[in-house]
């Protein structure tokens, strides 16, 4: 009898443990992989350009979240423990290594198997400006170890529609691999997006073919790929870091350059301060306008998505450079 009394509670305890384990499994399933309840692929994007690709290619088959909320300057992003945990639950992570050091660290700690680094899907290059600033920054060591790529590689590849299309193809292939049941849809959506980016490339080529000037000045040297693609010369006030302060010598040099190269406008962006742009414009008698590096979409953006903002950038460049 004593043995029997000991066995009954032990069996009951085992049953309780089994029920608890079942409940725990169910809970973890709803929070984690593959969007168990809705069947959607759970994609975490590091910032807007990656988010846009996931949404355009994945459409109804994916649930996309982003680590960089609208209005946050991506370069300065800090990751919360909650975001790190969310990252670890994603089926696929899309990011651009070296652009956001905090994201790089979180991705390394996440343990996610399907991680796509956009920088490996195209060729990264080193960009400064067309003038003396390259030598100044090289002397100061800028670009080495500043979170913008190895040997000063420029991470702003999405501003070149051709390179962005190359990245889109790689993202599409990654989604096909992660969710083979919808591979045909991902392939079709990728092809559609690549075609739209090809049309945008043609618009920029035609729109910037004949201009009075080829030089533009911007606070944030994010447009090196765009300038190279369309035969323009980018002159950055602050280099690749939009918050860095230019030297007095650099400001004076830009005033001289503006006169020499028939520059009419100093560009600033929506997510960083316009103080230096306005100071230079006032001192040199120039106008100011927006050239958006598309690191995030806010209510201040000149468009609701990548294509609208890029076309606004094209119009602003045409106006500033004097389209013939």
C-alpha atoms as a PDB file:
ATOM      1  CA  UNK A   1       0.000   0.000   0.000  1.00  0.00           C
ATOM      2  CA  UNK A   2       2.788   2.376   0.788  1.00  0.00           C
ATOM      3  CA  UNK A   3       4.358   1.728  -2.585  1.00  0.00           C
ATOM      4  CA  UNK A   4       1.026   2.313  -4.290  1.00  0.00           C
ATOM      5  CA  UNK A   5       0.552   5.676  -2.542  1.00  0.00           C
ATOM      6  CA  UNK A   6       4.004   6.809  -3.734  1.00  0.00           C
ATOM      7  CA  UNK A   7       3.365   5.788  -7.335  1.00  0.00           C
ATOM      8  CA  UNK A   8       0.078   7.649  -7.736  1.00  0.00           C
ATOM      9  CA  UNK A   9       1.450  11.195  -7.128  1.00  0.00           C
ATOM     10  CA  UNK A  10       4.536  10.402  -9.233  1.00  0.00           C
ATOM     11  CA  UNK A  11       2.328   9.513 -12.186  1.00  0.00           C
ATOM     12  CA  UNK A  12       0.257  12.631 -11.645  1.00  0.00           C
ATOM     13  CA  UNK A  13       3.409  14.740 -11.561  1.00  0.00           C
ATOM     14  CA  UNK A  14       4.615  13.197 -14.823  1.00  0.00           C
ATOM     15  CA  UNK A  15       1.290  14.031 -16.443  1.00  0.00           C
ATOM     16  CA  UNK A  16       1.492  17.621 -15.233  1.00  0.00           C
ATOM     17  CA  UNK A  17       5.016  17.980 -16.598  1.00  0.00           C
ATOM     18  CA  UNK A  18       3.886  16.610 -19.953  1.00  0.00           C
ATOM     19  CA  UNK A  19       1.013  19.100 -20.111  1.00  0.00           C
ATOM     20  CA  UNK A  20       3.326  21.975 -19.188  1.00  0.00           C
ATOM     21  CA  UNK A  21       5.815  20.956 -21.856  1.00  0.00           C
ATOM     22  CA  UNK A  22       3.031  20.834 -24.446  1.00  0.00           C
ATOM     23  CA  UNK A  23       1.865  24.307 -23.442  1.00  0.00           C
ATOM     24  CA  UNK A  24       5.405  25.676 -23.572  1.00  0.00           C
ATOM     25  CA  UNK A  25       5.934  24.222 -27.040  1.00  0.00           C
ATOM     26  CA  UNK A  26       2.698  25.794 -28.233  1.00  0.00           C
ATOM     27  CA  UNK A  27       3.657  29.183 -26.809  1.00  0.00           C
ATOM     28  CA  UNK A  28       7.133  29.151 -28.325  1.00  0.00           C
ATOM     29  CA  UNK A  29       5.638  28.107 -31.665  1.00  0.00           C
ATOM     30  CA  UNK A  30       3.362  31.149 -31.848  1.00  0.00           C
ATOM     31  CA  UNK A  31       6.190  33.529 -31.012  1.00  0.00           C
ATOM     32  CA  UNK A  32       8.865  32.097 -33.223  1.00  0.00           C
ATOM     33  CA  UNK A  33       9.696  30.336 -36.421  1.00  0.00           C
ATOM     34  CA  UNK A  34       7.816  30.638 -39.677  1.00  0.00           C
ATOM     35  CA  UNK A  35       4.912  32.618 -38.241  1.00  0.00           C
ATOM     36  CA  UNK A  36       3.291  29.400 -37.054  1.00  0.00           C
ATOM     37  CA  UNK A  37      -0.234  30.803 -36.755  1.00  0.00           C
ATOM     38  CA  UNK A  38      -0.448  32.620 -40.100  1.00  0.00           C
ATOM     39  CA  UNK A  39       2.032  30.521 -42.081  1.00  0.00           C
ATOM     40  CA  UNK A  40       4.065  33.578 -43.075  1.00  0.00           C
ATOM     41  CA  UNK A  41       7.839  33.763 -43.203  1.00  0.00           C
ATOM     42  CA  UNK A  42       9.109  35.956 -40.360  1.00  0.00           C
ATOM     43  CA  UNK A  43      11.658  38.407 -41.815  1.00  0.00           C
ATOM     44  CA  UNK A  44      13.666  40.909 -39.766  1.00  0.00           C
ATOM     45  CA  UNK A  45      15.235  43.784 -41.746  1.00  0.00           C
ATOM     46  CA  UNK A  46      17.971  45.996 -40.325  1.00  0.00           C
ATOM     47  CA  UNK A  47      16.692  49.244 -41.905  1.00  0.00           C
ATOM     48  CA  UNK A  48      14.396  50.615 -44.595  1.00  0.00           C
ATOM     49  CA  UNK A  49      16.164  49.563 -47.845  1.00  0.00           C
ATOM     50  CA  UNK A  50      16.238  45.954 -46.600  1.00  0.00           C
ATOM     51  CA  UNK A  51      12.647  46.193 -45.364  1.00  0.00           C
ATOM     52  CA  UNK A  52      11.485  47.487 -48.757  1.00  0.00           C
ATOM     53  CA  UNK A  53      13.089  44.561 -50.596  1.00  0.00           C
ATOM     54  CA  UNK A  54      11.504  42.020 -48.245  1.00  0.00           C
ATOM     55  CA  UNK A  55       8.066  43.595 -48.618  1.00  0.00           C
ATOM     56  CA  UNK A  56       8.261  43.916 -52.395  1.00  0.00           C
ATOM     57  CA  UNK A  57       9.552  40.398 -52.965  1.00  0.00           C
ATOM     58  CA  UNK A  58       7.742  38.591 -50.152  1.00  0.00           C
ATOM     59  CA  UNK A  59       4.397  40.391 -50.371  1.00  0.00           C
ATOM     60  CA  UNK A  60       1.638  38.320 -48.694  1.00  0.00           C
ATOM     61  CA  UNK A  61       3.941  35.427 -47.855  1.00  0.00           C
ATOM     62  CA  UNK A  62       6.100  37.326 -45.355  1.00  0.00           C
ATOM     63  CA  UNK A  63       5.732  39.257 -42.136  1.00  0.00           C
ATOM     64  CA  UNK A  64       8.403  41.976 -42.106  1.00  0.00           C
ATOM     65  CA  UNK A  65       9.713  43.900 -39.107  1.00  0.00           C
ATOM     66  CA  UNK A  66      12.582  46.389 -38.958  1.00  0.00           C
ATOM     67  CA  UNK A  67      15.163  47.141 -36.281  1.00  0.00           C
ATOM     68  CA  UNK A  68      15.433  50.807 -37.310  1.00  0.00           C
ATOM     69  CA  UNK A  69      12.193  52.667 -36.699  1.00  0.00           C
ATOM     70  CA  UNK A  70      11.131  55.603 -38.932  1.00  0.00           C
ATOM     71  CA  UNK A  71      12.971  58.795 -38.019  1.00  0.00           C
ATOM     72  CA  UNK A  72      15.975  57.037 -36.439  1.00  0.00           C
ATOM     73  CA  UNK A  73      19.370  57.708 -38.044  1.00  0.00           C
ATOM     74  CA  UNK A  74      20.516  54.155 -38.966  1.00  0.00           C
ATOM     75  CA  UNK A  75      24.227  54.796 -38.367  1.00  0.00           C
ATOM     76  CA  UNK A  76      23.537  55.621 -34.702  1.00  0.00           C
ATOM     77  CA  UNK A  77      21.120  52.777 -33.955  1.00  0.00           C
ATOM     78  CA  UNK A  78      21.355  51.062 -30.571  1.00  0.00           C
ATOM     79  CA  UNK A  79      19.747  47.635 -30.197  1.00  0.00           C
ATOM     80  CA  UNK A  80      17.595  46.859 -27.144  1.00  0.00           C
ATOM     81  CA  UNK A  81      17.595  43.425 -25.468  1.00  0.00           C
ATOM     82  CA  UNK A  82      13.998  43.008 -26.660  1.00  0.00           C
ATOM     83  CA  UNK A  83      15.052  43.625 -30.282  1.00  0.00           C
ATOM     84  CA  UNK A  84      17.915  41.139 -29.920  1.00  0.00           C
ATOM     85  CA  UNK A  85      15.404  38.536 -28.728  1.00  0.00           C
ATOM     86  CA  UNK A  86      13.082  39.316 -31.661  1.00  0.00           C
ATOM     87  CA  UNK A  87      16.024  38.977 -34.008  1.00  0.00           C
ATOM     88  CA  UNK A  88      16.692  35.509 -32.670  1.00  0.00           C
ATOM     89  CA  UNK A  89      13.104  34.439 -33.440  1.00  0.00           C
ATOM     90  CA  UNK A  90      13.206  35.511 -37.112  1.00  0.00           C
ATOM     91  CA  UNK A  91      13.228  32.988 -39.946  1.00  0.00           C
ATOM     92  CA  UNK A  92      15.343  35.277 -42.122  1.00  0.00           C
ATOM     93  CA  UNK A  93      17.474  38.325 -41.256  1.00  0.00           C
ATOM     94  CA  UNK A  94      18.361  40.909 -43.930  1.00  0.00           C
ATOM     95  CA  UNK A  95      21.067  43.442 -43.108  1.00  0.00           C
ATOM     96  CA  UNK A  96      24.041  45.312 -44.543  1.00  0.00           C
ATOM     97  CA  UNK A  97      27.155  44.454 -42.596  1.00  0.00           C
ATOM     98  CA  UNK A  98      29.308  47.378 -41.299  1.00  0.00           C
ATOM     99  CA  UNK A  99      26.588  50.009 -41.843  1.00  0.00           C
ATOM    100  CA  UNK A 100      25.218  49.562 -38.322  1.00  0.00           C
ATOM    101  CA  UNK A 101      27.744  48.113 -35.838  1.00  0.00           C
ATOM    102  CA  UNK A 102      25.025  47.460 -33.234  1.00  0.00           C
ATOM    103  CA  UNK A 103      23.125  45.324 -35.738  1.00  0.00           C
ATOM    104  CA  UNK A 104      26.270  43.388 -36.659  1.00  0.00           C
ATOM    105  CA  UNK A 105      26.791  42.504 -33.002  1.00  0.00           C
ATOM    106  CA  UNK A 106      23.152  41.522 -32.460  1.00  0.00           C
ATOM    107  CA  UNK A 107      23.096  39.337 -35.591  1.00  0.00           C
ATOM    108  CA  UNK A 108      26.263  37.552 -34.446  1.00  0.00           C
ATOM    109  CA  UNK A 109      24.622  36.820 -31.088  1.00  0.00           C
ATOM    110  CA  UNK A 110      21.213  35.839 -32.478  1.00  0.00           C
ATOM    111  CA  UNK A 111      21.985  32.354 -33.714  1.00  0.00           C
ATOM    112  CA  UNK A 112      19.697  32.820 -36.732  1.00  0.00           C
ATOM    113  CA  UNK A 113      20.633  30.399 -39.524  1.00  0.00           C
ATOM    114  CA  UNK A 114      19.224  32.309 -42.517  1.00  0.00           C
ATOM    115  CA  UNK A 115      21.171  35.570 -42.465  1.00  0.00           C
ATOM    116  CA  UNK A 116      21.583  37.629 -45.642  1.00  0.00           C
ATOM    117  CA  UNK A 117      24.296  40.307 -45.798  1.00  0.00           C
ATOM    118  CA  UNK A 118      23.376  42.599 -48.697  1.00  0.00           C
ATOM    119  CA  UNK A 119      27.011  43.601 -49.081  1.00  0.00           C
ATOM    120  CA  UNK A 120      27.835  40.103 -50.323  1.00  0.00           C
ATOM    121  CA  UNK A 121      25.227  40.319 -53.103  1.00  0.00           C
ATOM    122  CA  UNK A 122      26.964  43.102 -55.028  1.00  0.00           C
ATOM    123  CA  UNK A 123      30.406  44.722 -55.201  1.00  0.00           C
ATOM    124  CA  UNK A 124      31.223  47.321 -52.550  1.00  0.00           C
ATOM    125  CA  UNK A 125      33.592  50.135 -53.465  1.00  0.00           C
ATOM    126  CA  UNK A 126      35.430  52.915 -51.676  1.00  0.00           C
ATOM    127  CA  UNK A 127      33.977  56.369 -52.285  1.00  0.00           C
ATOM    128  CA  UNK A 128      34.946  59.734 -50.921  1.00  0.00           C
ATOM    129  CA  UNK A 129      34.449  62.814 -53.015  1.00  0.00           C
ATOM    130  CA  UNK A 130      35.920  63.967 -56.277  1.00  0.00           C
ATOM    131  CA  UNK A 131      38.225  66.500 -54.656  1.00  0.00           C
ATOM    132  CA  UNK A 132      40.651  67.263 -51.867  1.00  0.00           C
ATOM    133  CA  UNK A 133      38.471  65.777 -49.134  1.00  0.00           C
ATOM    134  CA  UNK A 134      39.623  62.275 -50.085  1.00  0.00           C
ATOM    135  CA  UNK A 135      43.175  63.155 -49.106  1.00  0.00           C
ATOM    136  CA  UNK A 136      42.101  64.897 -45.899  1.00  0.00           C
ATOM    137  CA  UNK A 137      40.075  61.918 -44.724  1.00  0.00           C
ATOM    138  CA  UNK A 138      42.750  59.451 -45.723  1.00  0.00           C
ATOM    139  CA  UNK A 139      45.251  61.379 -43.646  1.00  0.00           C
ATOM    140  CA  UNK A 140      42.897  61.415 -40.676  1.00  0.00           C
ATOM    141  CA  UNK A 141      42.175  57.691 -41.032  1.00  0.00           C
ATOM    142  CA  UNK A 142      38.480  58.098 -41.808  1.00  0.00           C
ATOM    143  CA  UNK A 143      36.905  55.030 -43.316  1.00  0.00           C
ATOM    144  CA  UNK A 144      39.133  52.603 -41.461  1.00  0.00           C
ATOM    145  CA  UNK A 145      37.372  51.188 -38.450  1.00  0.00           C
ATOM    146  CA  UNK A 146      34.560  53.762 -38.446  1.00  0.00           C
ATOM    147  CA  UNK A 147      31.802  51.236 -39.042  1.00  0.00           C
ATOM    148  CA  UNK A 148      31.518  51.850 -42.778  1.00  0.00           C
ATOM    149  CA  UNK A 149      33.202  48.813 -44.257  1.00  0.00           C
ATOM    150  CA  UNK A 150      36.677  47.450 -44.749  1.00  0.00           C
ATOM    151  CA  UNK A 151      39.231  49.886 -46.154  1.00  0.00           C
ATOM    152  CA  UNK A 152      36.650  52.649 -46.364  1.00  0.00           C
ATOM    153  CA  UNK A 153      34.079  50.705 -48.391  1.00  0.00           C
ATOM    154  CA  UNK A 154      30.940  52.733 -49.017  1.00  0.00           C
ATOM    155  CA  UNK A 155      27.826  50.870 -47.788  1.00  0.00           C
ATOM    156  CA  UNK A 156      25.220  53.069 -49.574  1.00  0.00           C
ATOM    157  CA  UNK A 157      24.684  50.662 -52.483  1.00  0.00           C
ATOM    158  CA  UNK A 158      20.887  50.965 -52.541  1.00  0.00           C
ATOM    159  CA  UNK A 159      21.155  54.478 -54.021  1.00  0.00           C
ATOM    160  CA  UNK A 160      22.381  52.920 -57.275  1.00  0.00           C
ATOM    161  CA  UNK A 161      19.337  51.208 -58.856  1.00  0.00           C
ATOM    162  CA  UNK A 162      21.581  48.766 -60.715  1.00  0.00           C
ATOM    163  CA  UNK A 163      23.331  47.567 -57.573  1.00  0.00           C
ATOM    164  CA  UNK A 164      20.059  47.556 -55.655  1.00  0.00           C
ATOM    165  CA  UNK A 165      18.651  45.241 -58.332  1.00  0.00           C
ATOM    166  CA  UNK A 166      21.596  42.878 -57.805  1.00  0.00           C
ATOM    167  CA  UNK A 167      20.811  42.812 -54.088  1.00  0.00           C
ATOM    168  CA  UNK A 168      17.125  42.220 -54.835  1.00  0.00           C
ATOM    169  CA  UNK A 169      18.014  39.096 -56.820  1.00  0.00           C
ATOM    170  CA  UNK A 170      20.017  37.748 -53.891  1.00  0.00           C
ATOM    171  CA  UNK A 171      17.242  38.491 -51.409  1.00  0.00           C
ATOM    172  CA  UNK A 172      14.726  36.789 -53.684  1.00  0.00           C
ATOM    173  CA  UNK A 173      16.913  33.677 -53.878  1.00  0.00           C
ATOM    174  CA  UNK A 174      17.223  33.637 -50.071  1.00  0.00           C
ATOM    175  CA  UNK A 175      13.450  33.803 -49.618  1.00  0.00           C
ATOM    176  CA  UNK A 176      12.957  31.027 -52.186  1.00  0.00           C
ATOM    177  CA  UNK A 177      15.367  28.825 -50.250  1.00  0.00           C
ATOM    178  CA  UNK A 178      13.760  29.625 -46.884  1.00  0.00           C
ATOM    179  CA  UNK A 179      10.200  29.093 -48.127  1.00  0.00           C
ATOM    180  CA  UNK A 180      10.296  26.731 -51.142  1.00  0.00           C
ATOM    181  CA  UNK A 181       6.508  26.320 -51.158  1.00  0.00           C
ATOM    182  CA  UNK A 182       6.196  29.894 -52.466  1.00  0.00           C
ATOM    183  CA  UNK A 183       9.384  29.980 -54.528  1.00  0.00           C
ATOM    184  CA  UNK A 184       7.549  30.711 -57.786  1.00  0.00           C
ATOM    185  CA  UNK A 185       5.902  33.803 -56.288  1.00  0.00           C
ATOM    186  CA  UNK A 186       9.194  35.081 -54.894  1.00  0.00           C
ATOM    187  CA  UNK A 187      10.814  34.611 -58.302  1.00  0.00           C
ATOM    188  CA  UNK A 188       8.033  36.504 -60.091  1.00  0.00           C
ATOM    189  CA  UNK A 189       8.064  39.342 -57.543  1.00  0.00           C
ATOM    190  CA  UNK A 190      11.845  39.612 -57.792  1.00  0.00           C
ATOM    191  CA  UNK A 191      11.692  39.814 -61.584  1.00  0.00           C
ATOM    192  CA  UNK A 192       9.014  42.522 -61.363  1.00  0.00           C
ATOM    193  CA  UNK A 193      11.079  44.569 -58.903  1.00  0.00           C
ATOM    194  CA  UNK A 194      14.258  44.213 -60.958  1.00  0.00           C
ATOM    195  CA  UNK A 195      12.364  45.446 -64.032  1.00  0.00           C
ATOM    196  CA  UNK A 196      11.122  48.507 -62.109  1.00  0.00           C
ATOM    197  CA  UNK A 197      14.659  49.243 -60.930  1.00  0.00           C
ATOM    198  CA  UNK A 198      15.863  48.935 -64.517  1.00  0.00           C
ATOM    199  CA  UNK A 199      13.280  51.513 -65.585  1.00  0.00           C
ATOM    200  CA  UNK A 200      14.400  53.817 -62.755  1.00  0.00           C
ATOM    201  CA  UNK A 201      18.013  53.473 -63.902  1.00  0.00           C
ATOM    202  CA  UNK A 202      16.947  54.554 -67.407  1.00  0.00           C
ATOM    203  CA  UNK A 203      15.126  57.587 -65.961  1.00  0.00           C
ATOM    204  CA  UNK A 204      18.281  58.682 -64.141  1.00  0.00           C
ATOM    205  CA  UNK A 205      20.499  58.097 -67.188  1.00  0.00           C
ATOM    206  CA  UNK A 206      18.238  60.117 -69.464  1.00  0.00           C
ATOM    207  CA  UNK A 207      17.445  62.757 -66.861  1.00  0.00           C
ATOM    208  CA  UNK A 208      21.076  63.518 -65.968  1.00  0.00           C
ATOM    209  CA  UNK A 209      22.621  63.132 -69.412  1.00  0.00           C
ATOM    210  CA  UNK A 210      22.794  66.846 -70.262  1.00  0.00           C
ATOM    211  CA  UNK A 211      23.342  69.212 -67.332  1.00  0.00           C
ATOM    212  CA  UNK A 212      25.104  72.548 -66.940  1.00  0.00           C
ATOM    213  CA  UNK A 213      27.117  71.196 -63.992  1.00  0.00           C
ATOM    214  CA  UNK A 214      28.196  67.719 -62.929  1.00  0.00           C
ATOM    215  CA  UNK A 215      29.096  68.613 -59.333  1.00  0.00           C
ATOM    216  CA  UNK A 216      26.769  68.494 -56.350  1.00  0.00           C
ATOM    217  CA  UNK A 217      27.478  69.273 -52.703  1.00  0.00           C
ATOM    218  CA  UNK A 218      25.809  67.284 -49.947  1.00  0.00           C
ATOM    219  CA  UNK A 219      26.150  67.106 -46.173  1.00  0.00           C
ATOM    220  CA  UNK A 220      26.222  63.298 -46.183  1.00  0.00           C
ATOM    221  CA  UNK A 221      28.549  61.557 -48.644  1.00  0.00           C
ATOM    222  CA  UNK A 222      26.049  58.792 -49.310  1.00  0.00           C
ATOM    223  CA  UNK A 223      25.748  59.275 -53.063  1.00  0.00           C
ATOM    224  CA  UNK A 224      29.076  57.919 -54.339  1.00  0.00           C
ATOM    225  CA  UNK A 225      27.509  54.989 -56.195  1.00  0.00           C
ATOM    226  CA  UNK A 226      24.813  57.200 -57.689  1.00  0.00           C
ATOM    227  CA  UNK A 227      27.383  59.788 -58.781  1.00  0.00           C
ATOM    228  CA  UNK A 228      29.620  57.146 -60.347  1.00  0.00           C
ATOM    229  CA  UNK A 229      26.706  55.490 -62.142  1.00  0.00           C
ATOM    230  CA  UNK A 230      25.490  58.719 -63.776  1.00  0.00           C
ATOM    231  CA  UNK A 231      28.730  60.594 -64.378  1.00  0.00           C
ATOM    232  CA  UNK A 232      28.438  63.101 -61.541  1.00  0.00           C
ATOM    233  CA  UNK A 233      30.889  64.390 -58.931  1.00  0.00           C
ATOM    234  CA  UNK A 234      29.859  64.210 -55.279  1.00  0.00           C
ATOM    235  CA  UNK A 235      31.393  66.701 -52.853  1.00  0.00           C
ATOM    236  CA  UNK A 236      30.528  65.886 -49.246  1.00  0.00           C
ATOM    237  CA  UNK A 237      30.687  68.418 -46.440  1.00  0.00           C
ATOM    238  CA  UNK A 238      30.993  65.865 -43.656  1.00  0.00           C
ATOM    239  CA  UNK A 239      32.043  62.629 -45.313  1.00  0.00           C
ATOM    240  CA  UNK A 240      30.192  59.363 -44.765  1.00  0.00           C
ATOM    241  CA  UNK A 241      29.175  60.297 -41.219  1.00  0.00           C
ATOM    242  CA  UNK A 242      26.268  62.779 -41.448  1.00  0.00           C
ATOM    243  CA  UNK A 243      26.876  64.085 -37.927  1.00  0.00           C
ATOM    244  CA  UNK A 244      30.615  64.849 -38.196  1.00  0.00           C
ATOM    245  CA  UNK A 245      31.727  68.476 -38.234  1.00  0.00           C
ATOM    246  CA  UNK A 246      33.654  69.743 -41.273  1.00  0.00           C
ATOM    247  CA  UNK A 247      36.831  71.748 -40.793  1.00  0.00           C
ATOM    248  CA  UNK A 248      36.907  75.501 -41.576  1.00  0.00           C
ATOM    249  CA  UNK A 249      39.374  74.687 -44.360  1.00  0.00           C
ATOM    250  CA  UNK A 250      36.906  72.258 -45.910  1.00  0.00           C
ATOM    251  CA  UNK A 251      34.096  74.828 -45.798  1.00  0.00           C
ATOM    252  CA  UNK A 252      36.335  77.386 -47.496  1.00  0.00           C
ATOM    253  CA  UNK A 253      37.383  74.846 -50.114  1.00  0.00           C
ATOM    254  CA  UNK A 254      33.755  74.092 -50.920  1.00  0.00           C
ATOM    255  CA  UNK A 255      32.967  77.775 -51.398  1.00  0.00           C
ATOM    256  CA  UNK A 256      35.773  77.987 -53.973  1.00  0.00           C
ATOM    257  CA  UNK A 257      34.676  74.768 -55.639  1.00  0.00           C
ATOM    258  CA  UNK A 258      31.079  75.991 -55.893  1.00  0.00           C
ATOM    259  CA  UNK A 259      32.215  78.985 -57.936  1.00  0.00           C
ATOM    260  CA  UNK A 260      34.521  76.948 -60.144  1.00  0.00           C
ATOM    261  CA  UNK A 261      32.027  74.183 -60.923  1.00  0.00           C
ATOM    262  CA  UNK A 262      28.887  76.275 -61.293  1.00  0.00           C
ATOM    263  CA  UNK A 263      27.250  74.750 -58.211  1.00  0.00           C
ATOM    264  CA  UNK A 264      23.906  76.320 -57.312  1.00  0.00           C
ATOM    265  CA  UNK A 265      22.661  74.183 -54.426  1.00  0.00           C
ATOM    266  CA  UNK A 266      23.794  72.559 -51.195  1.00  0.00           C
ATOM    267  CA  UNK A 267      21.869  69.396 -50.388  1.00  0.00           C
ATOM    268  CA  UNK A 268      20.882  68.218 -46.934  1.00  0.00           C
ATOM    269  CA  UNK A 269      18.818  65.224 -45.787  1.00  0.00           C
ATOM    270  CA  UNK A 270      15.748  64.585 -43.699  1.00  0.00           C
ATOM    271  CA  UNK A 271      17.233  62.454 -40.888  1.00  0.00           C
ATOM    272  CA  UNK A 272      20.264  64.612 -40.024  1.00  0.00           C
ATOM    273  CA  UNK A 273      20.884  68.241 -39.115  1.00  0.00           C
ATOM    274  CA  UNK A 274      20.817  70.816 -41.930  1.00  0.00           C
ATOM    275  CA  UNK A 275      22.995  73.254 -39.971  1.00  0.00           C
ATOM    276  CA  UNK A 276      26.221  72.853 -41.982  1.00  0.00           C
ATOM    277  CA  UNK A 277      24.361  72.908 -45.304  1.00  0.00           C
ATOM    278  CA  UNK A 278      22.653  76.179 -44.437  1.00  0.00           C
ATOM    279  CA  UNK A 279      25.887  77.690 -43.134  1.00  0.00           C
ATOM    280  CA  UNK A 280      27.739  76.867 -46.352  1.00  0.00           C
ATOM    281  CA  UNK A 281      24.820  78.020 -48.500  1.00  0.00           C
ATOM    282  CA  UNK A 282      24.639  81.361 -46.678  1.00  0.00           C
ATOM    283  CA  UNK A 283      28.405  81.946 -46.881  1.00  0.00           C
ATOM    284  CA  UNK A 284      28.602  80.990 -50.574  1.00  0.00           C
ATOM    285  CA  UNK A 285      25.302  82.524 -51.705  1.00  0.00           C
ATOM    286  CA  UNK A 286      23.805  79.167 -52.658  1.00  0.00           C
ATOM    287  CA  UNK A 287      20.356  77.587 -52.361  1.00  0.00           C
ATOM    288  CA  UNK A 288      19.523  74.507 -50.294  1.00  0.00           C
ATOM    289  CA  UNK A 289      17.435  71.476 -51.176  1.00  0.00           C
ATOM    290  CA  UNK A 290      16.884  67.866 -50.088  1.00  0.00           C
ATOM    291  CA  UNK A 291      18.787  64.853 -51.403  1.00  0.00           C
ATOM    292  CA  UNK A 292      17.469  61.895 -49.444  1.00  0.00           C
ATOM    293  CA  UNK A 293      19.803  58.928 -48.780  1.00  0.00           C
ATOM    294  CA  UNK A 294      16.705  56.793 -48.204  1.00  0.00           C
ATOM    295  CA  UNK A 295      17.834  55.324 -44.912  1.00  0.00           C
ATOM    296  CA  UNK A 296      14.281  55.671 -43.595  1.00  0.00           C
ATOM    297  CA  UNK A 297      10.835  56.954 -44.591  1.00  0.00           C
ATOM    298  CA  UNK A 298       9.095  59.541 -42.399  1.00  0.00           C
ATOM    299  CA  UNK A 299       6.300  62.079 -42.853  1.00  0.00           C
ATOM    300  CA  UNK A 300       9.030  64.522 -43.933  1.00  0.00           C
ATOM    301  CA  UNK A 301      10.184  62.309 -46.801  1.00  0.00           C
ATOM    302  CA  UNK A 302       9.503  63.453 -50.362  1.00  0.00           C
ATOM    303  CA  UNK A 303       7.595  60.273 -51.146  1.00  0.00           C
ATOM    304  CA  UNK A 304       6.006  57.225 -49.550  1.00  0.00           C
ATOM    305  CA  UNK A 305       8.472  54.583 -50.743  1.00  0.00           C
ATOM    306  CA  UNK A 306      11.840  53.964 -52.391  1.00  0.00           C
ATOM    307  CA  UNK A 307      10.720  54.743 -55.926  1.00  0.00           C
ATOM    308  CA  UNK A 308       8.889  57.960 -55.057  1.00  0.00           C
ATOM    309  CA  UNK A 309      11.820  59.319 -53.047  1.00  0.00           C
ATOM    310  CA  UNK A 310      14.361  58.358 -55.706  1.00  0.00           C
ATOM    311  CA  UNK A 311      12.328  60.177 -58.345  1.00  0.00           C
ATOM    312  CA  UNK A 312      12.152  63.217 -56.046  1.00  0.00           C
ATOM    313  CA  UNK A 313      15.952  63.010 -55.738  1.00  0.00           C
ATOM    314  CA  UNK A 314      16.223  62.938 -59.531  1.00  0.00           C
ATOM    315  CA  UNK A 315      14.073  66.066 -59.898  1.00  0.00           C
ATOM    316  CA  UNK A 316      16.080  67.895 -57.247  1.00  0.00           C
ATOM    317  CA  UNK A 317      19.356  66.950 -58.924  1.00  0.00           C
ATOM    318  CA  UNK A 318      18.071  68.049 -62.321  1.00  0.00           C
ATOM    319  CA  UNK A 319      17.046  71.406 -60.906  1.00  0.00           C
ATOM    320  CA  UNK A 320      20.341  71.925 -59.066  1.00  0.00           C
ATOM    321  CA  UNK A 321      22.580  70.790 -61.921  1.00  0.00           C
ATOM    322  CA  UNK A 322      20.705  72.713 -64.609  1.00  0.00           C
ATOM    323  CA  UNK A 323      19.213  70.088 -66.907  1.00  0.00           C
ATOM    324  CA  UNK A 324      19.383  71.160 -70.537  1.00  0.00           C
END
